[in-house]
Amino acid sequence: MTRLPVKKTYKLFVGGEFPRSESGRTYEAEGQNVARASRKDVRDAVKAARAAQPKWAGATAYNRGQVLYRLAEMVEARAGEFAELSTGREEVERAIDRGSSNPVAGPYFNFTVPEPTGVVAVLAPEEPPLLGLVSRLIPPVVGGNSVVAVASETRPLAAIELAEAVATSDVPGGVINILTGYRRELGPVLASHMDVNALDLAGADGDSPELERLAAENVKRVVHGRADVQSPWEIASFLELKTVWHPIGQ
């Protein structure tokens, strides 16, 4: 008797949990069934990110760095699985380095104080599937923002594996949310969402002009990120510099 293969259905990662898409839709990618997020799933993810952001921003930069370093350790412990779902061991090692370098800008008492932008939407690059996502995810999170990320459409399994590592780490639920699905369907919803403060168009490709137009409705900060950059200056793209004048002397 010939057995029929039973494909696993991968879920979304929202608010620290793994829900199915409320629409019940899936699509096939990398030989597996992957949840196809809907407009409501986007709204749920933004709501979860907004709820988690103040407490995450209130943590010290040192504490956030410790949490993300622990996440990098957990990814390294599962390097074999990640290598199978990405472009190989080298990509996994570079992704781990993105999360463990800990280049944190601290809120020093001075005339100018960095504060997080808020909720950041990220359209991750199609390739490389793991490094591209991590490279665009880490800078806003390090700076105290919460993130709603749309994973690679054609190769989403590495992002789902990353979500499983995040779920078992010390990252608070809702700080990192990962959606799978069609980016041309989800991108405009995120770009036009009035409770999203910044938009990283690293994986937008030819859709950038329309997404920028939608983002202008609530004056979102728009960032054209790259997957091959590792620099503490990437964090500054997702920080607001609040300047306070403090008189000295009589």
Protein backbone atom coordinates (compact mmCIF):
# COMPACT_ATOMS: atom_id res chain seq x y z
CA MET A 1 0.00 0.00 0.00
CA THR A 2 1.44 3.36 -1.04
CA ARG A 3 1.32 6.09 1.62
CA LEU A 4 0.45 9.62 0.67
CA PRO A 5 2.91 12.21 1.97
CA VAL A 6 1.48 14.42 4.72
CA LYS A 7 2.79 17.95 4.37
CA LYS A 8 3.28 20.04 7.47
CA THR A 9 1.32 23.30 7.53
CA TYR A 10 3.50 26.08 8.89
CA LYS A 11 1.81 28.84 10.87
CA LEU A 12 2.31 32.56 11.43
CA PHE A 13 4.18 34.00 14.44
CA VAL A 14 2.18 36.77 16.13
CA GLY A 15 2.32 37.96 19.73
CA GLY A 16 4.62 35.12 20.76
CA GLU A 17 2.19 32.48 19.51
CA PHE A 18 1.71 30.45 16.32
CA PRO A 19 -1.80 31.09 14.96
CA ARG A 20 -3.16 29.91 11.64
CA SER A 21 -4.19 32.62 9.20
CA GLU A 22 -7.69 33.74 10.13
CA SER A 23 -8.61 33.26 6.47
CA GLY A 24 -7.61 29.60 6.58
CA ARG A 25 -5.56 30.10 3.42
CA THR A 26 -2.23 28.47 2.66
CA TYR A 27 0.17 28.41 -0.27
CA GLU A 28 2.88 25.98 -1.29
CA ALA A 29 6.51 27.00 -0.84
CA GLU A 30 9.63 24.82 -0.69
CA GLY A 31 7.40 21.76 -0.95
CA GLN A 32 5.41 22.59 2.20
CA ASN A 33 2.12 24.27 3.07
CA VAL A 34 2.70 27.76 4.48
CA ALA A 35 0.12 30.07 6.03
CA ARG A 36 -0.95 32.86 3.68
CA ALA A 37 -1.51 35.89 5.93
CA SER A 38 -4.51 38.16 5.37
CA ARG A 39 -5.27 41.82 6.03
CA LYS A 40 -6.68 40.88 9.43
CA ASP A 41 -3.53 38.93 10.27
CA VAL A 42 -1.54 42.10 9.53
CA ARG A 43 -3.80 44.13 11.81
CA ASP A 44 -3.46 41.51 14.58
CA ALA A 45 0.34 41.55 14.23
CA VAL A 46 0.51 45.35 14.40
CA LYS A 47 -1.75 45.32 17.47
CA ALA A 48 0.53 42.78 19.17
CA ALA A 49 3.63 44.79 18.24
CA ARG A 50 2.12 48.01 19.58
CA ALA A 51 1.19 46.36 22.89
CA ALA A 52 4.69 44.93 23.38
CA GLN A 53 6.71 47.96 22.27
CA PRO A 54 6.55 50.26 25.35
CA LYS A 55 7.87 47.63 27.78
CA TRP A 56 10.59 46.56 25.34
CA ALA A 57 11.61 50.19 24.80
CA GLY A 58 11.67 50.70 28.56
CA ALA A 59 14.26 47.97 29.04
CA THR A 60 17.85 49.11 29.21
CA ALA A 61 19.94 48.88 26.07
CA TYR A 62 22.19 46.47 27.94
CA ASN A 63 19.26 44.19 28.75
CA ARG A 64 17.99 44.22 25.16
CA GLY A 65 21.48 43.31 24.02
CA GLN A 66 21.57 40.35 26.42
CA VAL A 67 18.21 39.07 25.16
CA LEU A 68 19.25 39.26 21.52
CA TYR A 69 22.62 37.68 22.27
CA ARG A 70 20.75 34.77 23.84
CA LEU A 71 18.62 34.50 20.70
CA ALA A 72 21.82 34.33 18.60
CA GLU A 73 23.04 31.49 20.83
CA MET A 74 19.79 29.59 20.25
CA VAL A 75 20.06 30.03 16.49
CA GLU A 76 23.63 28.75 16.65
CA ALA A 77 22.45 25.67 18.57
CA ARG A 78 20.08 24.90 15.66
CA ALA A 79 22.56 25.82 12.93
CA GLY A 80 22.12 22.48 11.16
CA GLU A 81 18.38 22.97 10.69
CA PHE A 82 18.85 26.57 9.57
CA ALA A 83 21.54 25.56 7.06
CA GLU A 84 19.11 23.15 5.38
CA LEU A 85 16.46 25.87 5.08
CA SER A 86 18.73 28.67 3.86
CA THR A 87 21.64 28.87 1.45
CA GLY A 88 24.03 26.97 3.68
CA ARG A 89 26.19 27.19 6.80
CA GLU A 90 27.90 30.45 5.80
CA GLU A 91 24.59 32.30 5.67
CA VAL A 92 23.63 30.95 9.09
CA GLU A 93 26.94 32.08 10.60
CA ARG A 94 26.53 35.57 9.15
CA ALA A 95 22.98 35.74 10.51
CA ILE A 96 24.24 34.74 13.97
CA ASP A 97 26.87 37.49 13.79
CA ARG A 98 24.13 40.02 13.04
CA GLY A 99 22.40 39.18 16.29
CA SER A 100 25.41 38.79 18.57
CA SER A 101 27.56 41.86 17.85
CA ASN A 102 25.43 43.94 20.26
CA PRO A 103 26.21 47.44 18.84
CA VAL A 104 23.69 49.25 21.06
CA ALA A 105 23.22 53.02 21.17
CA GLY A 106 22.49 53.80 24.80
CA PRO A 107 20.18 56.58 26.07
CA TYR A 108 22.89 58.75 27.63
CA PHE A 109 21.99 61.87 29.57
CA ASN A 110 22.78 64.58 27.12
CA PHE A 111 21.09 67.26 25.06
CA THR A 112 20.06 64.71 22.43
CA VAL A 113 18.49 61.42 23.49
CA PRO A 114 17.71 58.52 21.09
CA GLU A 115 14.24 57.02 21.39
CA PRO A 116 12.66 54.18 19.39
CA THR A 117 10.38 55.04 16.49
CA GLY A 118 7.69 52.55 17.59
CA VAL A 119 6.25 49.79 15.40
CA VAL A 120 8.38 48.97 12.35
CA ALA A 121 7.14 46.98 9.35
CA VAL A 122 9.78 45.04 7.42
CA LEU A 123 9.51 43.52 3.95
CA ALA A 124 12.40 41.07 4.10
CA PRO A 125 14.45 40.37 0.96
CA GLU A 126 13.64 37.22 -1.02
CA GLU A 127 17.27 36.12 -0.86
CA PRO A 128 19.06 35.16 1.26
CA PRO A 129 16.02 33.93 3.21
CA LEU A 130 17.55 33.85 6.71
CA LEU A 131 20.29 36.48 6.57
CA GLY A 132 18.04 38.90 4.72
CA LEU A 133 15.37 38.69 7.42
CA VAL A 134 17.77 38.85 10.36
CA SER A 135 19.70 41.78 8.86
CA ARG A 136 16.54 43.87 8.63
CA LEU A 137 14.96 42.59 11.87
CA ILE A 138 17.78 43.17 14.33
CA PRO A 139 18.47 46.94 13.87
CA PRO A 140 14.96 48.14 14.83
CA VAL A 141 14.63 45.59 17.65
CA VAL A 142 17.99 46.56 19.16
CA GLY A 143 16.81 50.16 19.25
CA GLY A 144 13.70 49.32 21.29
CA ASN A 145 11.18 49.02 18.46
CA SER A 146 8.77 46.13 17.86
CA VAL A 147 8.61 44.60 14.39
CA VAL A 148 6.09 43.06 12.01
CA ALA A 149 8.10 41.30 9.28
CA VAL A 150 6.93 39.72 6.03
CA ALA A 151 9.21 36.76 5.28
CA SER A 152 10.59 35.68 1.93
CA GLU A 153 7.62 34.65 -0.19
CA THR A 154 9.32 31.83 -2.09
CA ARG A 155 11.57 30.58 0.74
CA PRO A 156 9.74 31.20 4.04
CA LEU A 157 10.77 28.10 5.99
CA ALA A 158 13.94 29.66 7.45
CA ALA A 159 11.84 32.52 8.82
CA ILE A 160 9.44 30.06 10.45
CA GLU A 161 12.37 28.20 11.99
CA LEU A 162 13.62 31.55 13.31
CA ALA A 163 10.18 32.22 14.80
CA GLU A 164 10.42 28.95 16.72
CA ALA A 165 13.78 30.06 18.14
CA VAL A 166 12.32 33.45 19.10
CA ALA A 167 9.33 31.77 20.79
CA THR A 168 11.61 29.79 23.10
CA SER A 169 13.97 32.69 23.84
CA ASP A 170 13.65 35.63 26.25
CA VAL A 171 12.30 37.99 23.57
CA PRO A 172 8.90 39.18 24.90
CA GLY A 173 5.86 38.08 22.91
CA GLY A 174 4.86 40.69 20.35
CA VAL A 175 8.28 42.31 19.96
CA ILE A 176 8.99 40.17 16.87
CA ASN A 177 6.09 39.09 14.65
CA ILE A 178 6.63 37.15 11.42
CA LEU A 179 4.06 36.81 8.65
CA THR A 180 4.20 34.54 5.60
CA GLY A 181 2.27 35.09 2.42
CA TYR A 182 2.19 37.23 -0.70
CA ARG A 183 4.15 40.44 -0.22
CA ARG A 184 2.13 42.28 -2.88
CA GLU A 185 -0.94 41.56 -0.78
CA LEU A 186 0.57 42.35 2.63
CA GLY A 187 2.90 45.23 1.74
CA PRO A 188 0.18 47.80 0.95
CA VAL A 189 -1.70 46.92 4.15
CA LEU A 190 1.39 47.57 6.26
CA ALA A 191 2.34 50.69 4.31
CA SER A 192 -1.10 52.22 4.81
CA HIS A 193 -1.62 51.07 8.42
CA MET A 194 -1.96 54.17 10.60
CA ASP A 195 -0.36 52.52 13.65
CA VAL A 196 2.87 51.57 11.85
CA ASN A 197 5.60 54.18 12.37
CA ALA A 198 8.33 53.04 9.98
CA LEU A 199 8.62 50.86 6.89
CA ASP A 200 11.69 48.97 5.67
CA LEU A 201 11.37 48.29 1.95
CA ALA A 202 14.38 45.97 1.61
CA GLY A 203 12.29 43.35 -0.20
CA ALA A 204 9.80 45.61 -1.97
CA ASP A 205 11.52 45.43 -5.38
CA GLY A 206 9.49 47.32 -7.98
CA ASP A 207 6.62 48.09 -5.59
CA SER A 208 8.56 50.74 -3.65
CA PRO A 209 6.98 53.86 -5.25
CA GLU A 210 3.41 52.76 -4.47
CA LEU A 211 4.34 51.69 -0.93
CA GLU A 212 6.10 55.00 -0.32
CA ARG A 213 2.96 56.83 -1.45
CA LEU A 214 0.83 54.83 0.98
CA ALA A 215 3.35 55.35 3.78
CA ALA A 216 3.13 59.12 3.33
CA GLU A 217 -0.45 59.11 4.64
CA ASN A 218 0.80 59.13 8.24
CA VAL A 219 4.35 60.33 7.49
CA LYS A 220 5.99 56.97 8.12
CA ARG A 221 9.75 56.86 8.07
CA VAL A 222 10.76 54.85 4.97
CA VAL A 223 14.03 52.92 4.95
CA HIS A 224 15.52 51.15 1.94
CA GLY A 225 17.49 48.50 3.80
CA ARG A 226 20.01 46.01 2.49
CA ALA A 227 20.72 42.44 3.52
CA ASP A 228 24.51 42.71 3.21
CA VAL A 229 25.10 45.49 5.76
CA GLN A 230 26.28 45.03 9.36
CA SER A 231 26.82 48.36 11.07
CA PRO A 232 25.68 50.07 14.29
CA TRP A 233 24.56 52.95 12.09
CA GLU A 234 21.72 50.73 10.83
CA ILE A 235 20.11 51.14 14.26
CA ALA A 236 19.94 54.93 13.80
CA SER A 237 17.49 54.50 10.90
CA PHE A 238 14.87 53.42 13.44
CA LEU A 239 15.57 55.93 16.21
CA GLU A 240 14.12 59.36 16.82
CA LEU A 241 16.58 61.88 18.23
CA LYS A 242 14.79 63.96 20.87
CA THR A 243 16.72 67.13 21.66
CA VAL A 244 16.29 68.86 25.03
CA TRP A 245 17.74 72.28 25.82
CA HIS A 246 19.12 72.36 29.37
CA PRO A 247 20.29 75.76 30.68
CA ILE A 248 23.58 75.83 32.54
CA GLY A 249 24.65 78.43 35.05
CA GLN A 250 22.73 81.35 36.55
